[in-house]
Amino acid sequence: MSELIPIERRKLSDSVQERLLAMIQNGQIAPGEFLPSERELMSSFAVGRPAIREALQNLHRMGLIEIRHGERARVAVPSFARLVDQMSDTVRHLLTHSPASLEHLKEARATFEMEMARIAARRRKDADLKRLRTILATQAEFSDDALKFLEWDGKLHREIAAISANPIFVSVSESMFRWLSHFHVELVRSLGEEKMTIAEHKQVVDAIAKGDADGAAKAMGDHLTRANRLYRQGKKKDKAG
């Protein structure tokens, strides 16, 4: 007789979560629609309120439902931006405690942003160039405010990605910048590299305006490589001090 496998004991909330997930995945409850009330779920599944609430909170953390005070939970409308946002705390924790992962993300971002600049040079329209130059001018106005300067830095990179007309590119660009910004704000404040950053951004925008895809990619790559190098130098000074 073969060895028997013990029966796994499951929490009631796990079973509730599984059933609700099935209802969402098979389209029984469509995106944007409300789920049954807690009382209705308690009656349908024959479980108490704690099991219902724990299951709903788990689905909320997964980004599958929205929970608002005073309203029934509803199925979230699918969004790549929502998916990436759900990862933010985990990614920030990873980058803080894994220097290798931080370096890998910087490398990945540089490659991604170079391609965004290349695509922008091929697809840009006059209205796109106007927005880029407005953002660049506004960033220059905040050279004495590190947080605002960094904020408009992110807006420039996001706008370059937006020229692709691909919302996934926009979300990825925005998210990578947000994840890395925590590690760069002190660099901007302490090293006084604002003028160089503005000059490099202008080179990227000028190449995009000319339709020079290779030039835009190179300018972007040079810019991010310098920024990453300065960050590493700044960290070495901090340790030495």
C-alpha atoms as a PDB file:
ATOM      1  CA  MET A   1       0.000   0.000   0.000  1.00  0.00           C
ATOM      2  CA  SER A   2       1.445   3.351  -1.015  1.00  0.00           C
ATOM      3  CA  GLU A   3       2.033   6.022   1.576  1.00  0.00           C
ATOM      4  CA  LEU A   4      -1.044   8.175   2.140  1.00  0.00           C
ATOM      5  CA  ILE A   5      -0.718  11.921   1.634  1.00  0.00           C
ATOM      6  CA  PRO A   6      -2.180  13.962   4.510  1.00  0.00           C
ATOM      7  CA  ILE A   7      -5.189  16.096   3.624  1.00  0.00           C
ATOM      8  CA  GLU A   8      -4.245  19.755   3.682  1.00  0.00           C
ATOM      9  CA  ARG A   9      -6.247  21.840   6.126  1.00  0.00           C
ATOM     10  CA  ARG A  10      -7.399  25.052   4.464  1.00  0.00           C
ATOM     11  CA  LYS A  11      -8.537  28.313   5.945  1.00  0.00           C
ATOM     12  CA  LEU A  12     -12.119  29.246   5.166  1.00  0.00           C
ATOM     13  CA  SER A  13     -10.902  32.520   3.658  1.00  0.00           C
ATOM     14  CA  ASP A  14      -8.792  30.578   1.137  1.00  0.00           C
ATOM     15  CA  SER A  15     -11.869  28.713  -0.064  1.00  0.00           C
ATOM     16  CA  VAL A  16     -13.870  31.948  -0.291  1.00  0.00           C
ATOM     17  CA  GLN A  17     -11.044  33.611  -2.216  1.00  0.00           C
ATOM     18  CA  GLU A  18     -10.863  30.683  -4.636  1.00  0.00           C
ATOM     19  CA  ARG A  19     -14.603  30.864  -5.361  1.00  0.00           C
ATOM     20  CA  LEU A  20     -14.609  34.626  -5.832  1.00  0.00           C
ATOM     21  CA  LEU A  21     -11.570  34.377  -8.098  1.00  0.00           C
ATOM     22  CA  ALA A  22     -13.389  31.800 -10.224  1.00  0.00           C
ATOM     23  CA  MET A  23     -16.418  34.111 -10.481  1.00  0.00           C
ATOM     24  CA  ILE A  24     -14.156  36.920 -11.704  1.00  0.00           C
ATOM     25  CA  GLN A  25     -12.150  34.800 -14.123  1.00  0.00           C
ATOM     26  CA  ASN A  26     -15.161  33.155 -15.774  1.00  0.00           C
ATOM     27  CA  GLY A  27     -16.824  36.529 -16.292  1.00  0.00           C
ATOM     28  CA  GLN A  28     -19.672  35.930 -13.852  1.00  0.00           C
ATOM     29  CA  ILE A  29     -18.773  39.322 -12.379  1.00  0.00           C
ATOM     30  CA  ALA A  30     -17.355  41.640 -15.030  1.00  0.00           C
ATOM     31  CA  PRO A  31     -14.723  44.380 -14.546  1.00  0.00           C
ATOM     32  CA  GLY A  32     -16.344  47.444 -12.988  1.00  0.00           C
ATOM     33  CA  GLU A  33     -19.265  45.472 -11.521  1.00  0.00           C
ATOM     34  CA  PHE A  34     -19.936  45.217  -7.792  1.00  0.00           C
ATOM     35  CA  LEU A  35     -19.482  41.975  -5.915  1.00  0.00           C
ATOM     36  CA  PRO A  36     -22.361  40.727  -3.732  1.00  0.00           C
ATOM     37  CA  SER A  37     -22.490  42.362  -0.312  1.00  0.00           C
ATOM     38  CA  GLU A  38     -20.640  40.809   2.620  1.00  0.00           C
ATOM     39  CA  ARG A  39     -23.942  39.611   4.023  1.00  0.00           C
ATOM     40  CA  GLU A  40     -24.900  37.973   0.721  1.00  0.00           C
ATOM     41  CA  LEU A  41     -21.508  36.288   0.468  1.00  0.00           C
ATOM     42  CA  MET A  42     -21.780  35.042   4.060  1.00  0.00           C
ATOM     43  CA  SER A  43     -25.152  33.494   3.231  1.00  0.00           C
ATOM     44  CA  SER A  44     -24.052  32.018  -0.108  1.00  0.00           C
ATOM     45  CA  PHE A  45     -20.835  30.480   1.210  1.00  0.00           C
ATOM     46  CA  ALA A  46     -22.113  29.691   4.736  1.00  0.00           C
ATOM     47  CA  VAL A  47     -19.105  31.309   6.416  1.00  0.00           C
ATOM     48  CA  GLY A  48     -18.611  34.152   8.862  1.00  0.00           C
ATOM     49  CA  ARG A  49     -17.723  37.761   8.149  1.00  0.00           C
ATOM     50  CA  PRO A  50     -13.980  37.390   9.049  1.00  0.00           C
ATOM     51  CA  ALA A  51     -13.474  34.799   6.284  1.00  0.00           C
ATOM     52  CA  ILE A  52     -15.241  37.037   3.745  1.00  0.00           C
ATOM     53  CA  ARG A  53     -13.240  40.121   4.696  1.00  0.00           C
ATOM     54  CA  GLU A  54      -9.897  38.322   4.662  1.00  0.00           C
ATOM     55  CA  ALA A  55     -10.640  36.915   1.194  1.00  0.00           C
ATOM     56  CA  LEU A  56     -11.662  40.335  -0.087  1.00  0.00           C
ATOM     57  CA  GLN A  57      -8.506  41.943   1.323  1.00  0.00           C
ATOM     58  CA  ASN A  58      -6.358  39.294  -0.368  1.00  0.00           C
ATOM     59  CA  LEU A  59      -8.042  39.942  -3.728  1.00  0.00           C
ATOM     60  CA  HIS A  60      -7.575  43.683  -3.166  1.00  0.00           C
ATOM     61  CA  ARG A  61      -3.836  43.234  -2.547  1.00  0.00           C
ATOM     62  CA  MET A  62      -3.670  41.226  -5.765  1.00  0.00           C
ATOM     63  CA  GLY A  63      -5.189  44.200  -7.597  1.00  0.00           C
ATOM     64  CA  LEU A  64      -8.250  42.232  -8.695  1.00  0.00           C
ATOM     65  CA  ILE A  65     -10.892  44.163  -6.766  1.00  0.00           C
ATOM     66  CA  GLU A  66     -11.329  47.693  -5.443  1.00  0.00           C
ATOM     67  CA  ILE A  67     -12.503  48.345  -1.898  1.00  0.00           C
ATOM     68  CA  ARG A  68     -13.849  51.777  -0.978  1.00  0.00           C
ATOM     69  CA  HIS A  69     -15.294  52.839   2.335  1.00  0.00           C
ATOM     70  CA  GLY A  70     -19.083  52.680   2.365  1.00  0.00           C
ATOM     71  CA  GLU A  71     -19.340  50.745  -0.906  1.00  0.00           C
ATOM     72  CA  ARG A  72     -19.423  47.122  -1.919  1.00  0.00           C
ATOM     73  CA  ALA A  73     -16.219  45.798  -3.422  1.00  0.00           C
ATOM     74  CA  ARG A  74     -16.085  45.849  -7.192  1.00  0.00           C
ATOM     75  CA  VAL A  75     -13.993  44.038  -9.779  1.00  0.00           C
ATOM     76  CA  ALA A  76     -11.078  46.202 -10.895  1.00  0.00           C
ATOM     77  CA  VAL A  77     -10.862  47.276 -14.510  1.00  0.00           C
ATOM     78  CA  PRO A  78      -7.738  45.613 -15.990  1.00  0.00           C
ATOM     79  CA  SER A  79      -4.822  48.028 -16.163  1.00  0.00           C
ATOM     80  CA  PHE A  80      -1.111  47.480 -16.709  1.00  0.00           C
ATOM     81  CA  ALA A  81      -0.435  50.602 -14.645  1.00  0.00           C
ATOM     82  CA  ARG A  82      -2.396  49.099 -11.757  1.00  0.00           C
ATOM     83  CA  LEU A  83      -0.391  45.881 -12.022  1.00  0.00           C
ATOM     84  CA  VAL A  84       2.917  47.729 -11.890  1.00  0.00           C
ATOM     85  CA  ASP A  85       1.728  49.898  -9.004  1.00  0.00           C
ATOM     86  CA  GLN A  86       0.878  46.776  -7.012  1.00  0.00           C
ATOM     87  CA  MET A  87       4.555  45.799  -7.273  1.00  0.00           C
ATOM     88  CA  SER A  88       5.959  49.105  -6.028  1.00  0.00           C
ATOM     89  CA  ASP A  89       6.474  48.330  -2.340  1.00  0.00           C
ATOM     90  CA  THR A  90       7.989  44.928  -3.093  1.00  0.00           C
ATOM     91  CA  VAL A  91      10.330  46.370  -5.729  1.00  0.00           C
ATOM     92  CA  ARG A  92      11.434  49.199  -3.436  1.00  0.00           C
ATOM     93  CA  HIS A  93      12.216  46.666  -0.708  1.00  0.00           C
ATOM     94  CA  LEU A  94      14.210  44.579  -3.193  1.00  0.00           C
ATOM     95  CA  LEU A  95      16.233  47.548  -4.442  1.00  0.00           C
ATOM     96  CA  THR A  96      16.970  48.794  -0.933  1.00  0.00           C
ATOM     97  CA  HIS A  97      18.361  45.481   0.261  1.00  0.00           C
ATOM     98  CA  SER A  98      19.854  44.074  -2.939  1.00  0.00           C
ATOM     99  CA  PRO A  99      22.566  46.287  -4.464  1.00  0.00           C
ATOM    100  CA  ALA A 100      22.946  43.857  -7.375  1.00  0.00           C
ATOM    101  CA  SER A 101      19.243  44.173  -8.235  1.00  0.00           C
ATOM    102  CA  LEU A 102      19.535  47.948  -8.128  1.00  0.00           C
ATOM    103  CA  GLU A 103      22.387  47.869 -10.638  1.00  0.00           C
ATOM    104  CA  HIS A 104      20.505  45.442 -12.852  1.00  0.00           C
ATOM    105  CA  LEU A 105      17.437  47.688 -12.894  1.00  0.00           C
ATOM    106  CA  LYS A 106      19.562  50.723 -13.803  1.00  0.00           C
ATOM    107  CA  GLU A 107      21.046  48.808 -16.717  1.00  0.00           C
ATOM    108  CA  ALA A 108      17.611  47.636 -17.835  1.00  0.00           C
ATOM    109  CA  ARG A 109      16.222  51.140 -17.581  1.00  0.00           C
ATOM    110  CA  ALA A 110      19.059  52.613 -19.651  1.00  0.00           C
ATOM    111  CA  THR A 111      18.430  50.098 -22.440  1.00  0.00           C
ATOM    112  CA  PHE A 112      14.668  50.700 -22.285  1.00  0.00           C
ATOM    113  CA  GLU A 113      14.959  54.505 -22.290  1.00  0.00           C
ATOM    114  CA  MET A 114      17.362  54.427 -25.227  1.00  0.00           C
ATOM    115  CA  GLU A 115      14.771  52.544 -27.254  1.00  0.00           C
ATOM    116  CA  MET A 116      12.057  54.987 -26.126  1.00  0.00           C
ATOM    117  CA  ALA A 117      14.173  57.867 -27.429  1.00  0.00           C
ATOM    118  CA  ARG A 118      14.738  56.004 -30.690  1.00  0.00           C
ATOM    119  CA  ILE A 119      11.004  55.403 -31.181  1.00  0.00           C
ATOM    120  CA  ALA A 120      10.205  59.010 -30.228  1.00  0.00           C
ATOM    121  CA  ALA A 121      12.562  60.317 -32.912  1.00  0.00           C
ATOM    122  CA  ARG A 122      10.705  58.271 -35.512  1.00  0.00           C
ATOM    123  CA  ARG A 123       7.165  59.122 -34.421  1.00  0.00           C
ATOM    124  CA  ARG A 124       7.330  62.618 -32.905  1.00  0.00           C
ATOM    125  CA  LYS A 125       4.913  65.293 -34.021  1.00  0.00           C
ATOM    126  CA  ASP A 126       5.076  69.040 -33.530  1.00  0.00           C
ATOM    127  CA  ALA A 127       2.764  68.851 -30.518  1.00  0.00           C
ATOM    128  CA  ASP A 128       5.050  66.248 -28.904  1.00  0.00           C
ATOM    129  CA  LEU A 129       8.096  68.454 -29.346  1.00  0.00           C
ATOM    130  CA  LYS A 130       6.258  71.415 -27.865  1.00  0.00           C
ATOM    131  CA  ARG A 131       5.399  69.408 -24.738  1.00  0.00           C
ATOM    132  CA  LEU A 132       8.965  68.138 -24.391  1.00  0.00           C
ATOM    133  CA  ARG A 133      10.423  71.647 -24.599  1.00  0.00           C
ATOM    134  CA  THR A 134       7.882  72.995 -22.118  1.00  0.00           C
ATOM    135  CA  ILE A 135       8.779  70.262 -19.645  1.00  0.00           C
ATOM    136  CA  LEU A 136      12.495  70.873 -20.159  1.00  0.00           C
ATOM    137  CA  ALA A 137      12.069  74.617 -19.546  1.00  0.00           C
ATOM    138  CA  THR A 138      10.028  73.968 -16.399  1.00  0.00           C
ATOM    139  CA  GLN A 139      12.614  71.552 -15.061  1.00  0.00           C
ATOM    140  CA  ALA A 140      15.309  74.190 -15.521  1.00  0.00           C
ATOM    141  CA  GLU A 141      13.249  76.612 -13.415  1.00  0.00           C
ATOM    142  CA  PHE A 142      13.445  74.179 -10.485  1.00  0.00           C
ATOM    143  CA  SER A 143      17.233  73.807 -10.471  1.00  0.00           C
ATOM    144  CA  ASP A 144      17.301  74.945  -6.836  1.00  0.00           C
ATOM    145  CA  ASP A 145      14.605  72.516  -5.714  1.00  0.00           C
ATOM    146  CA  ALA A 146      15.868  68.909  -5.818  1.00  0.00           C
ATOM    147  CA  LEU A 147      12.479  67.261  -5.378  1.00  0.00           C
ATOM    148  CA  LYS A 148      10.734  69.377  -8.030  1.00  0.00           C
ATOM    149  CA  PHE A 149      13.711  69.028 -10.347  1.00  0.00           C
ATOM    150  CA  LEU A 150      13.501  65.254 -10.042  1.00  0.00           C
ATOM    151  CA  GLU A 151       9.731  65.314 -10.516  1.00  0.00           C
ATOM    152  CA  TRP A 152      10.027  67.143 -13.842  1.00  0.00           C
ATOM    153  CA  ASP A 153      12.901  64.873 -14.827  1.00  0.00           C
ATOM    154  CA  GLY A 154      10.470  61.984 -14.540  1.00  0.00           C
ATOM    155  CA  LYS A 155       7.839  63.850 -16.542  1.00  0.00           C
ATOM    156  CA  LEU A 156      10.285  64.331 -19.406  1.00  0.00           C
ATOM    157  CA  HIS A 157      11.118  60.629 -19.584  1.00  0.00           C
ATOM    158  CA  ARG A 158       7.431  59.747 -19.345  1.00  0.00           C
ATOM    159  CA  GLU A 159       6.582  62.135 -22.175  1.00  0.00           C
ATOM    160  CA  ILE A 160       9.259  60.632 -24.387  1.00  0.00           C
ATOM    161  CA  ALA A 161       7.756  57.198 -23.773  1.00  0.00           C
ATOM    162  CA  ALA A 162       4.262  58.563 -24.448  1.00  0.00           C
ATOM    163  CA  ILE A 163       5.244  59.471 -28.023  1.00  0.00           C
ATOM    164  CA  SER A 164       5.237  55.730 -28.718  1.00  0.00           C
ATOM    165  CA  ALA A 165       1.436  55.745 -28.135  1.00  0.00           C
ATOM    166  CA  ASN A 166       1.920  52.482 -26.211  1.00  0.00           C
ATOM    167  CA  PRO A 167       0.480  52.762 -22.664  1.00  0.00           C
ATOM    168  CA  ILE A 168       2.596  49.842 -21.462  1.00  0.00           C
ATOM    169  CA  PHE A 169       5.779  51.723 -22.361  1.00  0.00           C
ATOM    170  CA  VAL A 170       4.483  54.750 -20.459  1.00  0.00           C
ATOM    171  CA  SER A 171       3.709  52.695 -17.347  1.00  0.00           C
ATOM    172  CA  VAL A 172       7.084  50.958 -17.416  1.00  0.00           C
ATOM    173  CA  SER A 173       8.978  54.230 -17.883  1.00  0.00           C
ATOM    174  CA  GLU A 174       7.039  55.923 -15.086  1.00  0.00           C
ATOM    175  CA  SER A 175       7.431  53.000 -12.706  1.00  0.00           C
ATOM    176  CA  MET A 176      11.159  52.454 -13.219  1.00  0.00           C
ATOM    177  CA  PHE A 177      11.781  56.154 -12.692  1.00  0.00           C
ATOM    178  CA  ARG A 178       9.675  56.154  -9.528  1.00  0.00           C
ATOM    179  CA  TRP A 179      11.421  53.062  -8.167  1.00  0.00           C
ATOM    180  CA  LEU A 180      14.860  54.547  -8.792  1.00  0.00           C
ATOM    181  CA  SER A 181      14.111  58.151  -7.810  1.00  0.00           C
ATOM    182  CA  HIS A 182      14.552  57.377  -4.110  1.00  0.00           C
ATOM    183  CA  PHE A 183      18.175  56.515  -4.789  1.00  0.00           C
ATOM    184  CA  HIS A 184      18.881  59.605  -6.891  1.00  0.00           C
ATOM    185  CA  VAL A 185      17.312  62.540  -5.057  1.00  0.00           C
ATOM    186  CA  GLU A 186      20.265  62.943  -2.675  1.00  0.00           C
ATOM    187  CA  LEU A 187      22.619  62.763  -5.648  1.00  0.00           C
ATOM    188  CA  VAL A 188      20.841  65.637  -7.382  1.00  0.00           C
ATOM    189  CA  ARG A 189      20.868  67.695  -4.213  1.00  0.00           C
ATOM    190  CA  SER A 190      24.483  67.099  -3.192  1.00  0.00           C
ATOM    191  CA  LEU A 191      26.434  67.064  -6.445  1.00  0.00           C
ATOM    192  CA  GLY A 192      24.867  70.089  -8.148  1.00  0.00           C
ATOM    193  CA  GLU A 193      24.617  68.411 -11.535  1.00  0.00           C
ATOM    194  CA  GLU A 194      21.445  70.247 -12.577  1.00  0.00           C
ATOM    195  CA  LYS A 195      22.996  72.195 -15.458  1.00  0.00           C
ATOM    196  CA  MET A 196      24.590  69.084 -16.908  1.00  0.00           C
ATOM    197  CA  THR A 197      21.297  67.196 -16.647  1.00  0.00           C
ATOM    198  CA  ILE A 198      19.425  69.967 -18.460  1.00  0.00           C
ATOM    199  CA  ALA A 199      22.082  70.101 -21.176  1.00  0.00           C
ATOM    200  CA  GLU A 200      21.907  66.349 -21.682  1.00  0.00           C
ATOM    201  CA  HIS A 201      18.115  66.394 -21.769  1.00  0.00           C
ATOM    202  CA  LYS A 202      18.301  69.123 -24.403  1.00  0.00           C
ATOM    203  CA  GLN A 203      20.589  66.944 -26.531  1.00  0.00           C
ATOM    204  CA  VAL A 204      18.036  64.128 -26.354  1.00  0.00           C
ATOM    205  CA  VAL A 205      15.132  66.429 -27.253  1.00  0.00           C
ATOM    206  CA  ASP A 206      17.089  68.070 -30.092  1.00  0.00           C
ATOM    207  CA  ALA A 207      17.910  64.665 -31.596  1.00  0.00           C
ATOM    208  CA  ILE A 208      14.257  63.630 -31.334  1.00  0.00           C
ATOM    209  CA  ALA A 209      13.232  66.882 -33.033  1.00  0.00           C
ATOM    210  CA  LYS A 210      15.638  66.180 -35.914  1.00  0.00           C
ATOM    211  CA  GLY A 211      14.274  62.671 -36.319  1.00  0.00           C
ATOM    212  CA  ASP A 212      17.740  61.297 -35.533  1.00  0.00           C
ATOM    213  CA  ALA A 213      16.834  57.957 -33.950  1.00  0.00           C
ATOM    214  CA  ASP A 214      20.402  56.751 -33.392  1.00  0.00           C
ATOM    215  CA  GLY A 215      21.483  60.149 -32.082  1.00  0.00           C
ATOM    216  CA  ALA A 216      18.556  60.288 -29.652  1.00  0.00           C
ATOM    217  CA  ALA A 217      19.329  56.797 -28.366  1.00  0.00           C
ATOM    218  CA  LYS A 218      23.006  57.619 -27.916  1.00  0.00           C
ATOM    219  CA  ALA A 219      22.253  60.902 -26.137  1.00  0.00           C
ATOM    220  CA  MET A 220      19.883  59.111 -23.784  1.00  0.00           C
ATOM    221  CA  GLY A 221      22.369  56.319 -23.148  1.00  0.00           C
ATOM    222  CA  ASP A 222      25.184  58.774 -22.416  1.00  0.00           C
ATOM    223  CA  HIS A 223      22.925  60.721 -20.049  1.00  0.00           C
ATOM    224  CA  LEU A 224      21.847  57.700 -17.999  1.00  0.00           C
ATOM    225  CA  THR A 225      25.334  56.189 -17.963  1.00  0.00           C
ATOM    226  CA  ARG A 226      26.708  59.410 -16.484  1.00  0.00           C
ATOM    227  CA  ALA A 227      23.908  59.574 -13.912  1.00  0.00           C
ATOM    228  CA  ASN A 228      24.556  55.992 -12.819  1.00  0.00           C
ATOM    229  CA  ARG A 229      28.298  56.603 -12.609  1.00  0.00           C
ATOM    230  CA  LEU A 230      27.791  59.695 -10.445  1.00  0.00           C
ATOM    231  CA  TYR A 231      25.460  57.751  -8.163  1.00  0.00           C
ATOM    232  CA  ARG A 232      28.127  55.097  -7.578  1.00  0.00           C
ATOM    233  CA  GLN A 233      30.744  57.784  -6.905  1.00  0.00           C
ATOM    234  CA  GLY A 234      28.414  59.493  -4.466  1.00  0.00           C
ATOM    235  CA  LYS A 235      27.865  56.238  -2.569  1.00  0.00           C
ATOM    236  CA  LYS A 236      31.623  55.668  -2.311  1.00  0.00           C
ATOM    237  CA  LYS A 237      32.081  59.180  -0.852  1.00  0.00           C
ATOM    238  CA  ASP A 238      29.314  58.523   1.682  1.00  0.00           C
ATOM    239  CA  LYS A 239      31.049  55.330   2.843  1.00  0.00           C
ATOM    240  CA  ALA A 240      34.443  57.043   2.994  1.00  0.00           C
ATOM    241  CA  GLY A 241      32.977  59.885   5.030  1.00  0.00           C
END
